[in-house]
Amino acid sequence: MPPGDTVVAAVNGEPIRASELIQACYDWFAATAVEELILERVIEQEARAQNISVSDAEVEARYKQQLQNAEAQVPPGMSLDDFLKRNQFPPSRLFARIRTQMLAEKLVERQVNLDDFVEYSQIVIRIQGNTPEQQEENAPAAEAKAREAYEKIQQGLDFAEAVKEYSEDPFSKDRGGKMNWQNKNFMVPDLRAKLDALQPGQVSEPFRSMGSFMIIRKERIGSMASPEEQQDLREQAVRIQISDYVRQLQSKAKIENTIVQPFNPEMAAPGGPQGAPRPPAPRPAPR
């Protein structure tokens, strides 16, 4: 028995030693752990390249917040530490994951263009019909109704009043046609093109989009939003973009991973397949 190979458990008096535990952890979890460490390193390197950092105080604040959130989910009779470990979030790793997450968020936030966000109001006239043929037959009537609404707006009718009179979209009609902030990068191309062509306050001519004729008025772009709204928009953009951003970083990095291999239950058995020797356990990381 190697010196310091302590007993961590026993079954009918037969000990299970620390060396066996380390070997089992290596067999079962090494590939996953390496993938996580690679991800951390990729993000850390990009953050250094862009002179982005996260302070210990920032990480600590997020850490405490997440612990509070986790406490509400702990089953009766279980400690918070046991709950975190059972869900593969031991406190030490949780702290490291939070730092990595916050670095990634700051990297994405630096790329956010607030003017990709736009607030607009709309009038929607549905093209009736369940088949393409029926819709083509009914399209002129919908277009005529949209044209009538547009001409009244040009003659001075308030846009919100035109919404009440003409719009057939129940979601926006009760709000004067106003839509929540939208990211142009995720709009259908024809709607984005119309919004790009407008200045705030301008109204588009009727156009066909997604089975309807629409009239839109551009209200504001992101740089016109309040500071609180701008922060919300940045956070929204980060949530949407962070996964793709991290994947792009990984695809650009030169990654050499000699430990990743498909899981094979035989390799987790004592001695590996046909009693072949298992790979040596990794040395404990220096503290």
C-alpha atoms as a PDB file:
ATOM      1  CA  MET A   1       0.000   0.000   0.000  1.00  0.00           C
ATOM      2  CA  PRO A   2       1.499   3.379  -0.973  1.00  0.00           C
ATOM      3  CA  PRO A   3       2.238   5.734   1.939  1.00  0.00           C
ATOM      4  CA  GLY A   4      -0.737   7.946   2.695  1.00  0.00           C
ATOM      5  CA  ASP A   5      -3.163   5.705   0.789  1.00  0.00           C
ATOM      6  CA  THR A   6      -5.929   6.206   3.306  1.00  0.00           C
ATOM      7  CA  VAL A   7      -9.133   4.229   3.561  1.00  0.00           C
ATOM      8  CA  VAL A   8     -12.096   6.214   2.256  1.00  0.00           C
ATOM      9  CA  ALA A   9     -14.759   3.512   2.685  1.00  0.00           C
ATOM     10  CA  ALA A  10     -15.166  -0.156   3.564  1.00  0.00           C
ATOM     11  CA  VAL A  11     -17.492  -2.961   2.497  1.00  0.00           C
ATOM     12  CA  ASN A  12     -17.826  -5.826   4.997  1.00  0.00           C
ATOM     13  CA  GLY A  13     -14.484  -4.806   6.431  1.00  0.00           C
ATOM     14  CA  GLU A  14     -12.720  -4.709   3.046  1.00  0.00           C
ATOM     15  CA  PRO A  15     -11.231  -1.243   2.530  1.00  0.00           C
ATOM     16  CA  ILE A  16     -11.647   1.045  -0.463  1.00  0.00           C
ATOM     17  CA  ARG A  17      -8.548   3.209  -0.609  1.00  0.00           C
ATOM     18  CA  ALA A  18      -7.870   6.731  -1.822  1.00  0.00           C
ATOM     19  CA  SER A  19      -5.832   5.430  -4.767  1.00  0.00           C
ATOM     20  CA  GLU A  20      -8.855   3.444  -5.982  1.00  0.00           C
ATOM     21  CA  LEU A  21     -11.058   6.494  -5.612  1.00  0.00           C
ATOM     22  CA  ILE A  22      -8.635   8.631  -7.622  1.00  0.00           C
ATOM     23  CA  GLN A  23      -8.435   5.988 -10.337  1.00  0.00           C
ATOM     24  CA  ALA A  24     -12.232   5.703 -10.550  1.00  0.00           C
ATOM     25  CA  CYS A  25     -12.594   9.482 -10.741  1.00  0.00           C
ATOM     26  CA  TYR A  26     -10.015   9.557 -13.510  1.00  0.00           C
ATOM     27  CA  ASP A  27     -11.791   6.835 -15.484  1.00  0.00           C
ATOM     28  CA  TRP A  28     -15.226   8.350 -15.163  1.00  0.00           C
ATOM     29  CA  PHE A  29     -14.679  12.098 -15.097  1.00  0.00           C
ATOM     30  CA  ALA A  30     -11.278  12.988 -16.570  1.00  0.00           C
ATOM     31  CA  ALA A  31     -12.579  13.699 -20.084  1.00  0.00           C
ATOM     32  CA  THR A  32     -15.316  15.987 -18.765  1.00  0.00           C
ATOM     33  CA  ALA A  33     -12.907  17.790 -16.448  1.00  0.00           C
ATOM     34  CA  VAL A  34     -10.388  18.350 -19.241  1.00  0.00           C
ATOM     35  CA  GLU A  35     -13.099  19.795 -21.488  1.00  0.00           C
ATOM     36  CA  GLU A  36     -14.053  22.239 -18.739  1.00  0.00           C
ATOM     37  CA  LEU A  37     -10.432  23.243 -18.148  1.00  0.00           C
ATOM     38  CA  ILE A  38      -9.926  23.752 -21.887  1.00  0.00           C
ATOM     39  CA  LEU A  39     -12.976  26.006 -21.986  1.00  0.00           C
ATOM     40  CA  GLU A  40     -11.685  28.010 -19.029  1.00  0.00           C
ATOM     41  CA  ARG A  41      -8.276  28.419 -20.656  1.00  0.00           C
ATOM     42  CA  VAL A  42      -9.712  29.510 -24.013  1.00  0.00           C
ATOM     43  CA  ILE A  43     -11.830  32.209 -22.358  1.00  0.00           C
ATOM     44  CA  GLU A  44      -9.025  33.341 -20.036  1.00  0.00           C
ATOM     45  CA  GLN A  45      -6.606  33.722 -22.951  1.00  0.00           C
ATOM     46  CA  GLU A  46      -9.062  35.792 -24.982  1.00  0.00           C
ATOM     47  CA  ALA A  47      -9.837  37.951 -21.942  1.00  0.00           C
ATOM     48  CA  ARG A  48      -6.120  38.624 -21.428  1.00  0.00           C
ATOM     49  CA  ALA A  49      -5.737  39.492 -25.102  1.00  0.00           C
ATOM     50  CA  GLN A  50      -8.536  42.052 -24.787  1.00  0.00           C
ATOM     51  CA  ASN A  51      -7.354  43.311 -21.383  1.00  0.00           C
ATOM     52  CA  ILE A  52     -10.572  42.168 -19.711  1.00  0.00           C
ATOM     53  CA  SER A  53     -10.589  41.003 -16.113  1.00  0.00           C
ATOM     54  CA  VAL A  54     -12.982  40.124 -13.322  1.00  0.00           C
ATOM     55  CA  SER A  55     -12.197  41.117  -9.752  1.00  0.00           C
ATOM     56  CA  ASP A  56     -12.438  38.730  -6.818  1.00  0.00           C
ATOM     57  CA  ALA A  57     -15.126  41.001  -5.364  1.00  0.00           C
ATOM     58  CA  GLU A  58     -17.261  40.638  -8.511  1.00  0.00           C
ATOM     59  CA  VAL A  59     -16.910  36.861  -8.453  1.00  0.00           C
ATOM     60  CA  GLU A  60     -17.647  36.710  -4.734  1.00  0.00           C
ATOM     61  CA  ALA A  61     -20.839  38.737  -5.151  1.00  0.00           C
ATOM     62  CA  ARG A  62     -22.114  36.479  -7.951  1.00  0.00           C
ATOM     63  CA  TYR A  63     -21.020  33.408  -5.970  1.00  0.00           C
ATOM     64  CA  LYS A  64     -23.057  34.466  -2.929  1.00  0.00           C
ATOM     65  CA  GLN A  65     -26.055  35.232  -5.112  1.00  0.00           C
ATOM     66  CA  GLN A  66     -25.938  31.792  -6.720  1.00  0.00           C
ATOM     67  CA  LEU A  67     -25.549  30.099  -3.344  1.00  0.00           C
ATOM     68  CA  GLN A  68     -28.675  31.897  -2.160  1.00  0.00           C
ATOM     69  CA  ASN A  69     -30.527  30.716  -5.259  1.00  0.00           C
ATOM     70  CA  ALA A  70     -29.295  27.160  -4.674  1.00  0.00           C
ATOM     71  CA  GLU A  71     -30.393  27.159  -1.025  1.00  0.00           C
ATOM     72  CA  ALA A  72     -34.013  27.507  -2.124  1.00  0.00           C
ATOM     73  CA  GLN A  73     -33.706  24.231  -4.062  1.00  0.00           C
ATOM     74  CA  VAL A  74     -32.062  22.114  -1.348  1.00  0.00           C
ATOM     75  CA  PRO A  75     -34.310  19.176  -0.321  1.00  0.00           C
ATOM     76  CA  PRO A  76     -35.147  18.879   3.383  1.00  0.00           C
ATOM     77  CA  GLY A  77     -32.461  17.073   5.360  1.00  0.00           C
ATOM     78  CA  MET A  78     -29.670  17.781   2.855  1.00  0.00           C
ATOM     79  CA  SER A  79     -26.893  20.290   3.371  1.00  0.00           C
ATOM     80  CA  LEU A  80     -26.113  22.926   0.767  1.00  0.00           C
ATOM     81  CA  ASP A  81     -22.619  21.475   0.237  1.00  0.00           C
ATOM     82  CA  ASP A  82     -24.035  18.000  -0.405  1.00  0.00           C
ATOM     83  CA  PHE A  83     -26.626  19.439  -2.777  1.00  0.00           C
ATOM     84  CA  LEU A  84     -23.968  21.287  -4.779  1.00  0.00           C
ATOM     85  CA  LYS A  85     -21.731  18.225  -4.961  1.00  0.00           C
ATOM     86  CA  ARG A  86     -24.603  15.987  -6.022  1.00  0.00           C
ATOM     87  CA  ASN A  87     -25.315  18.413  -8.858  1.00  0.00           C
ATOM     88  CA  GLN A  88     -21.613  18.515  -9.777  1.00  0.00           C
ATOM     89  CA  PHE A  89     -21.133  22.005  -8.375  1.00  0.00           C
ATOM     90  CA  PRO A  90     -18.682  21.682  -5.476  1.00  0.00           C
ATOM     91  CA  PRO A  91     -18.071  25.179  -4.079  1.00  0.00           C
ATOM     92  CA  SER A  92     -14.468  25.349  -5.327  1.00  0.00           C
ATOM     93  CA  ARG A  93     -15.479  24.558  -8.908  1.00  0.00           C
ATOM     94  CA  LEU A  94     -18.534  26.788  -8.711  1.00  0.00           C
ATOM     95  CA  PHE A  95     -16.266  29.733  -7.906  1.00  0.00           C
ATOM     96  CA  ALA A  96     -14.057  28.937 -10.921  1.00  0.00           C
ATOM     97  CA  ARG A  97     -17.040  28.484 -13.220  1.00  0.00           C
ATOM     98  CA  ILE A  98     -18.479  31.815 -12.158  1.00  0.00           C
ATOM     99  CA  ARG A  99     -15.205  33.589 -12.952  1.00  0.00           C
ATOM    100  CA  THR A 100     -15.105  31.973 -16.392  1.00  0.00           C
ATOM    101  CA  GLN A 101     -18.759  32.821 -17.027  1.00  0.00           C
ATOM    102  CA  MET A 102     -18.247  36.460 -16.051  1.00  0.00           C
ATOM    103  CA  LEU A 103     -15.184  36.777 -18.289  1.00  0.00           C
ATOM    104  CA  ALA A 104     -17.186  35.366 -21.198  1.00  0.00           C
ATOM    105  CA  GLU A 105     -20.037  37.776 -20.480  1.00  0.00           C
ATOM    106  CA  LYS A 106     -17.677  40.751 -20.524  1.00  0.00           C
ATOM    107  CA  LEU A 107     -16.128  39.575 -23.784  1.00  0.00           C
ATOM    108  CA  VAL A 108     -19.541  39.337 -25.439  1.00  0.00           C
ATOM    109  CA  GLU A 109     -20.741  42.616 -23.935  1.00  0.00           C
ATOM    110  CA  ARG A 110     -17.813  44.425 -25.541  1.00  0.00           C
ATOM    111  CA  GLN A 111     -19.153  43.329 -28.936  1.00  0.00           C
ATOM    112  CA  VAL A 112     -22.738  44.422 -28.325  1.00  0.00           C
ATOM    113  CA  ASN A 113     -23.986  47.193 -30.604  1.00  0.00           C
ATOM    114  CA  LEU A 114     -26.950  48.835 -28.898  1.00  0.00           C
ATOM    115  CA  ASP A 115     -28.251  50.112 -32.212  1.00  0.00           C
ATOM    116  CA  ASP A 116     -28.878  46.525 -33.278  1.00  0.00           C
ATOM    117  CA  PHE A 117     -31.901  46.889 -30.991  1.00  0.00           C
ATOM    118  CA  VAL A 118     -34.948  48.742 -32.238  1.00  0.00           C
ATOM    119  CA  GLU A 119     -38.336  49.619 -30.803  1.00  0.00           C
ATOM    120  CA  TYR A 120     -41.167  49.995 -33.290  1.00  0.00           C
ATOM    121  CA  SER A 121     -44.952  50.035 -33.603  1.00  0.00           C
ATOM    122  CA  GLN A 122     -46.911  48.079 -36.171  1.00  0.00           C
ATOM    123  CA  ILE A 123     -50.205  47.736 -37.976  1.00  0.00           C
ATOM    124  CA  VAL A 124     -50.832  44.199 -39.204  1.00  0.00           C
ATOM    125  CA  ILE A 125     -53.457  43.286 -41.799  1.00  0.00           C
ATOM    126  CA  ARG A 126     -53.804  39.514 -42.138  1.00  0.00           C
ATOM    127  CA  ILE A 127     -54.085  37.912 -45.564  1.00  0.00           C
ATOM    128  CA  GLN A 128     -57.007  35.518 -45.226  1.00  0.00           C
ATOM    129  CA  GLY A 129     -56.809  31.938 -46.463  1.00  0.00           C
ATOM    130  CA  ASN A 130     -55.457  28.556 -45.441  1.00  0.00           C
ATOM    131  CA  THR A 131     -53.672  27.719 -48.681  1.00  0.00           C
ATOM    132  CA  PRO A 132     -51.198  29.669 -50.820  1.00  0.00           C
ATOM    133  CA  GLU A 133     -53.832  29.927 -53.551  1.00  0.00           C
ATOM    134  CA  GLN A 134     -56.414  31.371 -51.168  1.00  0.00           C
ATOM    135  CA  GLN A 135     -53.907  33.846 -49.776  1.00  0.00           C
ATOM    136  CA  GLU A 136     -52.927  35.047 -53.248  1.00  0.00           C
ATOM    137  CA  GLU A 137     -56.595  35.541 -54.059  1.00  0.00           C
ATOM    138  CA  ASN A 138     -57.190  37.553 -50.872  1.00  0.00           C
ATOM    139  CA  ALA A 139     -53.921  39.512 -50.872  1.00  0.00           C
ATOM    140  CA  PRO A 140     -55.288  42.508 -52.862  1.00  0.00           C
ATOM    141  CA  ALA A 141     -58.031  43.113 -50.280  1.00  0.00           C
ATOM    142  CA  ALA A 142     -55.516  43.057 -47.413  1.00  0.00           C
ATOM    143  CA  GLU A 143     -53.191  45.368 -49.319  1.00  0.00           C
ATOM    144  CA  ALA A 144     -56.035  47.803 -50.039  1.00  0.00           C
ATOM    145  CA  LYS A 145     -56.934  47.924 -46.344  1.00  0.00           C
ATOM    146  CA  ALA A 146     -53.298  48.552 -45.397  1.00  0.00           C
ATOM    147  CA  ARG A 147     -53.032  51.264 -48.058  1.00  0.00           C
ATOM    148  CA  GLU A 148     -56.149  52.944 -46.673  1.00  0.00           C
ATOM    149  CA  ALA A 149     -54.656  52.967 -43.167  1.00  0.00           C
ATOM    150  CA  TYR A 150     -51.365  54.377 -44.469  1.00  0.00           C
ATOM    151  CA  GLU A 151     -53.084  57.192 -46.359  1.00  0.00           C
ATOM    152  CA  LYS A 152     -55.069  58.171 -43.265  1.00  0.00           C
ATOM    153  CA  ILE A 153     -51.833  58.295 -41.246  1.00  0.00           C
ATOM    154  CA  GLN A 154     -50.297  60.515 -43.936  1.00  0.00           C
ATOM    155  CA  GLN A 155     -53.339  62.776 -43.634  1.00  0.00           C
ATOM    156  CA  GLY A 156     -52.759  63.182 -39.894  1.00  0.00           C
ATOM    157  CA  LEU A 157     -54.412  60.228 -38.159  1.00  0.00           C
ATOM    158  CA  ASP A 158     -52.464  59.306 -35.023  1.00  0.00           C
ATOM    159  CA  PHE A 159     -50.620  56.012 -35.493  1.00  0.00           C
ATOM    160  CA  ALA A 160     -52.061  54.540 -32.287  1.00  0.00           C
ATOM    161  CA  GLU A 161     -55.574  55.422 -33.472  1.00  0.00           C
ATOM    162  CA  ALA A 162     -54.864  53.771 -36.810  1.00  0.00           C
ATOM    163  CA  VAL A 163     -53.759  50.674 -34.894  1.00  0.00           C
ATOM    164  CA  LYS A 164     -57.089  50.563 -33.063  1.00  0.00           C
ATOM    165  CA  GLU A 165     -59.029  50.952 -36.291  1.00  0.00           C
ATOM    166  CA  TYR A 166     -57.094  48.679 -38.607  1.00  0.00           C
ATOM    167  CA  SER A 167     -54.609  46.327 -36.948  1.00  0.00           C
ATOM    168  CA  GLU A 168     -55.469  42.646 -36.638  1.00  0.00           C
ATOM    169  CA  ASP A 169     -52.594  41.630 -34.359  1.00  0.00           C
ATOM    170  CA  PRO A 170     -54.061  41.004 -30.873  1.00  0.00           C
ATOM    171  CA  PHE A 171     -50.659  41.067 -29.145  1.00  0.00           C
ATOM    172  CA  SER A 172     -49.737  44.618 -30.125  1.00  0.00           C
ATOM    173  CA  LYS A 173     -53.161  46.155 -30.802  1.00  0.00           C
ATOM    174  CA  ASP A 174     -53.944  46.798 -27.135  1.00  0.00           C
ATOM    175  CA  ARG A 175     -50.571  48.539 -26.767  1.00  0.00           C
ATOM    176  CA  GLY A 176     -50.999  51.018 -29.588  1.00  0.00           C
ATOM    177  CA  GLY A 177     -49.105  48.672 -31.884  1.00  0.00           C
ATOM    178  CA  LYS A 178     -45.911  48.977 -29.861  1.00  0.00           C
ATOM    179  CA  MET A 179     -43.520  46.023 -29.828  1.00  0.00           C
ATOM    180  CA  ASN A 180     -40.890  45.298 -27.210  1.00  0.00           C
ATOM    181  CA  TRP A 181     -37.250  45.943 -28.008  1.00  0.00           C
ATOM    182  CA  GLN A 182     -36.177  43.639 -30.844  1.00  0.00           C
ATOM    183  CA  ASN A 183     -32.716  42.636 -32.030  1.00  0.00           C
ATOM    184  CA  LYS A 184     -32.517  43.274 -35.784  1.00  0.00           C
ATOM    185  CA  ASN A 185     -30.102  40.373 -36.226  1.00  0.00           C
ATOM    186  CA  PHE A 186     -32.933  37.944 -35.504  1.00  0.00           C
ATOM    187  CA  MET A 187     -35.649  39.558 -37.644  1.00  0.00           C
ATOM    188  CA  VAL A 188     -36.938  38.302 -40.965  1.00  0.00           C
ATOM    189  CA  PRO A 189     -34.992  40.087 -43.725  1.00  0.00           C
ATOM    190  CA  ASP A 190     -37.863  42.144 -45.154  1.00  0.00           C
ATOM    191  CA  LEU A 191     -38.814  43.586 -41.760  1.00  0.00           C
ATOM    192  CA  ARG A 192     -35.209  44.411 -40.945  1.00  0.00           C
ATOM    193  CA  ALA A 193     -34.721  46.102 -44.318  1.00  0.00           C
ATOM    194  CA  LYS A 194     -37.748  48.333 -43.753  1.00  0.00           C
ATOM    195  CA  LEU A 195     -36.582  49.309 -40.265  1.00  0.00           C
ATOM    196  CA  ASP A 196     -33.064  50.046 -41.501  1.00  0.00           C
ATOM    197  CA  ALA A 197     -34.515  52.402 -44.105  1.00  0.00           C
ATOM    198  CA  LEU A 198     -36.459  54.427 -41.513  1.00  0.00           C
ATOM    199  CA  GLN A 199     -35.357  57.132 -39.111  1.00  0.00           C
ATOM    200  CA  PRO A 200     -36.956  57.228 -35.638  1.00  0.00           C
ATOM    201  CA  GLY A 201     -40.458  58.659 -35.988  1.00  0.00           C
ATOM    202  CA  GLN A 202     -40.849  57.724 -39.653  1.00  0.00           C
ATOM    203  CA  VAL A 203     -43.619  55.443 -40.962  1.00  0.00           C
ATOM    204  CA  SER A 204     -43.156  52.857 -43.697  1.00  0.00           C
ATOM    205  CA  GLU A 205     -45.436  52.292 -46.635  1.00  0.00           C
ATOM    206  CA  PRO A 206     -47.390  49.020 -46.513  1.00  0.00           C
ATOM    207  CA  PHE A 207     -45.296  45.945 -47.288  1.00  0.00           C
ATOM    208  CA  ARG A 208     -45.947  42.229 -47.348  1.00  0.00           C
ATOM    209  CA  SER A 209     -44.320  40.036 -44.716  1.00  0.00           C
ATOM    210  CA  MET A 210     -45.129  36.695 -43.075  1.00  0.00           C
ATOM    211  CA  GLY A 211     -48.649  36.304 -44.465  1.00  0.00           C
ATOM    212  CA  SER A 212     -49.690  39.882 -43.721  1.00  0.00           C
ATOM    213  CA  PHE A 213     -49.396  43.432 -44.926  1.00  0.00           C
ATOM    214  CA  MET A 214     -47.653  45.626 -42.395  1.00  0.00           C
ATOM    215  CA  ILE A 215     -47.099  49.295 -41.681  1.00  0.00           C
ATOM    216  CA  ILE A 216     -44.401  50.086 -39.148  1.00  0.00           C
ATOM    217  CA  ARG A 217     -43.252  53.191 -37.348  1.00  0.00           C
ATOM    218  CA  LYS A 218     -39.707  53.204 -36.032  1.00  0.00           C
ATOM    219  CA  GLU A 219     -39.749  54.517 -32.466  1.00  0.00           C
ATOM    220  CA  ARG A 220     -36.238  54.314 -30.982  1.00  0.00           C
ATOM    221  CA  ILE A 221     -32.896  52.623 -31.429  1.00  0.00           C
ATOM    222  CA  GLY A 222     -30.894  51.222 -28.533  1.00  0.00           C
ATOM    223  CA  SER A 223     -28.635  54.247 -28.108  1.00  0.00           C
ATOM    224  CA  MET A 224     -31.768  56.334 -27.439  1.00  0.00           C
ATOM    225  CA  ALA A 225     -32.859  54.080 -24.561  1.00  0.00           C
ATOM    226  CA  SER A 226     -32.530  55.016 -20.902  1.00  0.00           C
ATOM    227  CA  PRO A 227     -29.429  53.795 -19.010  1.00  0.00           C
ATOM    228  CA  GLU A 228     -31.526  51.136 -17.296  1.00  0.00           C
ATOM    229  CA  GLU A 229     -32.966  49.951 -20.608  1.00  0.00           C
ATOM    230  CA  GLN A 230     -29.514  49.899 -22.187  1.00  0.00           C
ATOM    231  CA  GLN A 231     -28.213  47.661 -19.417  1.00  0.00           C
ATOM    232  CA  ASP A 232     -31.166  45.313 -19.931  1.00  0.00           C
ATOM    233  CA  LEU A 233     -30.452  45.229 -23.672  1.00  0.00           C
ATOM    234  CA  ARG A 234     -26.790  44.406 -23.084  1.00  0.00           C
ATOM    235  CA  GLU A 235     -27.716  41.576 -20.724  1.00  0.00           C
ATOM    236  CA  GLN A 236     -30.254  40.260 -23.232  1.00  0.00           C
ATOM    237  CA  ALA A 237     -27.659  40.295 -26.010  1.00  0.00           C
ATOM    238  CA  VAL A 238     -25.137  38.487 -23.822  1.00  0.00           C
ATOM    239  CA  ARG A 239     -27.619  35.730 -22.933  1.00  0.00           C
ATOM    240  CA  ILE A 240     -28.436  35.184 -26.604  1.00  0.00           C
ATOM    241  CA  GLN A 241     -24.916  35.392 -28.030  1.00  0.00           C
ATOM    242  CA  ILE A 242     -22.661  33.861 -25.376  1.00  0.00           C
ATOM    243  CA  SER A 243     -22.919  30.203 -26.469  1.00  0.00           C
ATOM    244  CA  ASP A 244     -22.132  30.973 -30.111  1.00  0.00           C
ATOM    245  CA  TYR A 245     -19.310  33.291 -29.082  1.00  0.00           C
ATOM    246  CA  VAL A 246     -17.631  30.637 -26.926  1.00  0.00           C
ATOM    247  CA  ARG A 247     -17.969  28.049 -29.697  1.00  0.00           C
ATOM    248  CA  GLN A 248     -16.266  30.465 -32.092  1.00  0.00           C
ATOM    249  CA  LEU A 249     -13.405  30.981 -29.645  1.00  0.00           C
ATOM    250  CA  GLN A 250     -12.928  27.234 -29.313  1.00  0.00           C
ATOM    251  CA  SER A 251     -12.991  26.718 -33.074  1.00  0.00           C
ATOM    252  CA  LYS A 252     -10.234  29.328 -33.546  1.00  0.00           C
ATOM    253  CA  ALA A 253      -8.006  27.965 -30.773  1.00  0.00           C
ATOM    254  CA  LYS A 254      -5.372  25.296 -31.358  1.00  0.00           C
ATOM    255  CA  ILE A 255      -6.517  22.653 -28.878  1.00  0.00           C
ATOM    256  CA  GLU A 256      -4.615  19.435 -28.239  1.00  0.00           C
ATOM    257  CA  ASN A 257      -6.586  17.067 -26.058  1.00  0.00           C
ATOM    258  CA  THR A 258      -5.016  13.649 -25.565  1.00  0.00           C
ATOM    259  CA  ILE A 259      -7.475  12.438 -22.972  1.00  0.00           C
ATOM    260  CA  VAL A 260     -10.813  12.716 -24.763  1.00  0.00           C
ATOM    261  CA  GLN A 261     -12.227   9.383 -25.867  1.00  0.00           C
ATOM    262  CA  PRO A 262     -15.742   7.949 -26.168  1.00  0.00           C
ATOM    263  CA  PHE A 263     -16.946   6.412 -22.928  1.00  0.00           C
ATOM    264  CA  ASN A 264     -16.479   2.636 -22.891  1.00  0.00           C
ATOM    265  CA  PRO A 265     -17.904   0.783 -19.860  1.00  0.00           C
ATOM    266  CA  GLU A 266     -15.196  -1.870 -20.226  1.00  0.00           C
ATOM    267  CA  MET A 267     -12.531   0.760 -19.693  1.00  0.00           C
ATOM    268  CA  ALA A 268     -14.124   1.659 -16.384  1.00  0.00           C
ATOM    269  CA  ALA A 269     -13.933  -1.944 -15.196  1.00  0.00           C
ATOM    270  CA  PRO A 270     -10.974  -3.013 -13.032  1.00  0.00           C
ATOM    271  CA  GLY A 271      -8.014  -3.704 -15.287  1.00  0.00           C
ATOM    272  CA  GLY A 272      -9.740  -2.374 -18.409  1.00  0.00           C
ATOM    273  CA  PRO A 273     -10.593  -4.650 -21.348  1.00  0.00           C
ATOM    274  CA  GLN A 274      -9.009  -8.094 -21.186  1.00  0.00           C
ATOM    275  CA  GLY A 275      -7.250  -7.092 -17.990  1.00  0.00           C
ATOM    276  CA  ALA A 276      -5.146  -4.451 -19.744  1.00  0.00           C
ATOM    277  CA  PRO A 277      -3.538  -1.932 -17.406  1.00  0.00           C
ATOM    278  CA  ARG A 278      -5.416   1.303 -16.927  1.00  0.00           C
ATOM    279  CA  PRO A 279      -3.787   4.679 -17.537  1.00  0.00           C
ATOM    280  CA  PRO A 280      -1.993   6.095 -14.525  1.00  0.00           C
ATOM    281  CA  ALA A 281      -3.992   8.377 -12.291  1.00  0.00           C
ATOM    282  CA  PRO A 282      -3.175  12.062 -12.698  1.00  0.00           C
ATOM    283  CA  ARG A 283      -1.093  13.681 -10.010  1.00  0.00           C
ATOM    284  CA  PRO A 284      -3.004  15.908  -7.620  1.00  0.00           C
ATOM    285  CA  ALA A 285      -2.913  19.544  -8.688  1.00  0.00           C
ATOM    286  CA  PRO A 286      -0.556  21.681  -6.602  1.00  0.00           C
ATOM    287  CA  ARG A 287      -2.286  23.777  -4.002  1.00  0.00           C
END
